[in-house]
Amino acid sequence: MGPGWIATIVLGGFAGWLASLVMGRDASMGVLWNIVVGVIGGAIGSAIGSATGFLTTEGGWIMYLLTATVGAVVLLGVVNLVQRGRVR
C-alpha cells in the first residue's frame, strides 16, 4: 500500500461522511461505511465526471473530493431507494 491508497482511503472517508450528512444518514453509518461509500462514490463520481467532461486532471485532490462526494450521494440515494422505496 503506497501513499496513493492512503490518500484514497482518507479522501474517500471524508467524501462518504459529507455524503452521509447530505443524505441524512450520518447517525446510521460508522467510519468504515463512510470510507466504503466514499471510495465507491469516487468511482461513480469519476465515471460521471469523465462522461460529462467535468473531471479534469488539473483539479487534484479537491476535484477528487468533489466527484467522490457527488458519487457517494448518488450511491446513498440508490441505497435509500432500494431500502425504503424513496429517496430522502
Protein backbone atom coordinates (compact mmCIF):
# COMPACT_ATOMS: atom_id res chain seq x y z
CA MET A 1 0.00 0.00 0.00
CA GLY A 2 1.54 3.24 -1.14
CA PRO A 3 0.60 6.82 -0.36
CA GLY A 4 -1.98 6.78 -3.18
CA TRP A 5 -4.06 4.21 -1.34
CA ILE A 6 -3.82 6.11 1.91
CA ALA A 7 -4.99 9.31 0.20
CA THR A 8 -7.85 7.39 -1.42
CA ILE A 9 -8.97 6.00 1.95
CA VAL A 10 -8.73 9.37 3.73
CA LEU A 11 -10.45 11.37 0.97
CA GLY A 12 -13.00 8.58 0.44
CA GLY A 13 -13.83 8.58 4.14
CA PHE A 14 -14.29 12.33 4.14
CA ALA A 15 -16.41 12.21 0.97
CA GLY A 16 -18.54 9.41 2.46
CA TRP A 17 -19.04 11.39 5.65
CA LEU A 18 -20.07 14.51 3.68
CA ALA A 19 -22.50 12.44 1.60
CA SER A 20 -23.99 10.85 4.72
CA LEU A 21 -24.59 14.33 6.14
CA VAL A 22 -26.25 15.48 2.90
CA MET A 23 -28.45 12.38 2.77
CA GLY A 24 -29.32 12.38 6.50
CA ARG A 25 -27.67 9.00 7.20
CA ASP A 26 -24.81 10.17 9.41
CA ALA A 27 -26.22 8.55 12.54
CA SER A 28 -26.55 5.15 10.87
CA MET A 29 -23.06 4.98 9.31
CA GLY A 30 -19.73 4.41 11.01
CA VAL A 31 -16.23 5.30 9.86
CA LEU A 32 -15.77 2.08 7.89
CA TRP A 33 -19.00 2.56 5.94
CA ASN A 34 -18.12 6.21 5.28
CA ILE A 35 -14.84 5.05 3.74
CA VAL A 36 -16.53 2.32 1.68
CA VAL A 37 -19.26 4.67 0.42
CA GLY A 38 -16.71 7.40 -0.32
CA VAL A 39 -14.35 5.13 -2.27
CA ILE A 40 -17.20 3.58 -4.27
CA GLY A 41 -18.62 7.08 -4.68
CA GLY A 42 -15.23 8.14 -6.04
CA ALA A 43 -15.51 5.51 -8.75
CA ILE A 44 -19.09 6.57 -9.55
CA GLY A 45 -18.16 10.26 -9.49
CA SER A 46 -15.15 9.65 -11.72
CA ALA A 47 -17.34 7.84 -14.24
CA ILE A 48 -19.92 10.64 -14.20
CA GLY A 49 -17.22 13.33 -14.34
CA SER A 50 -15.40 11.66 -17.22
CA ALA A 51 -18.61 11.09 -19.18
CA THR A 52 -19.68 14.72 -18.82
CA GLY A 53 -16.20 16.20 -19.31
CA PHE A 54 -16.35 17.80 -15.85
CA LEU A 55 -13.49 15.81 -14.38
CA THR A 56 -10.05 17.13 -15.28
CA THR A 57 -6.57 16.26 -14.06
CA GLU A 58 -5.85 19.86 -13.04
CA GLY A 59 -8.27 19.76 -10.09
CA GLY A 60 -6.14 17.47 -7.92
CA TRP A 61 -7.47 16.21 -4.62
CA ILE A 62 -10.22 18.86 -4.43
CA MET A 63 -11.69 17.62 -7.71
CA TYR A 64 -11.49 14.02 -6.42
CA LEU A 65 -13.24 15.03 -3.19
CA LEU A 66 -15.99 16.83 -5.11
CA THR A 67 -16.60 14.00 -7.55
CA ALA A 68 -16.36 11.36 -4.79
CA THR A 69 -18.92 13.26 -2.69
CA VAL A 70 -21.31 13.58 -5.65
CA GLY A 71 -20.86 9.89 -6.45
CA ALA A 72 -21.41 8.93 -2.80
CA VAL A 73 -24.62 11.00 -2.68
CA VAL A 74 -25.81 9.17 -5.80
CA LEU A 75 -24.90 5.83 -4.21
CA LEU A 76 -26.71 6.66 -0.95
CA GLY A 77 -29.73 7.85 -2.95
CA VAL A 78 -29.88 4.49 -4.73
CA VAL A 79 -29.47 2.64 -1.41
CA ASN A 80 -32.30 4.71 0.11
CA LEU A 81 -34.47 3.95 -2.91
CA VAL A 82 -33.86 0.21 -2.60
CA GLN A 83 -34.26 0.11 1.20
CA ARG A 84 -37.25 2.38 1.65
CA GLY A 85 -38.76 2.80 -1.79
CA ARG A 86 -37.97 6.54 -1.82
CA VAL A 87 -35.05 8.97 -1.86
CA ARG A 88 -34.64 11.00 1.33
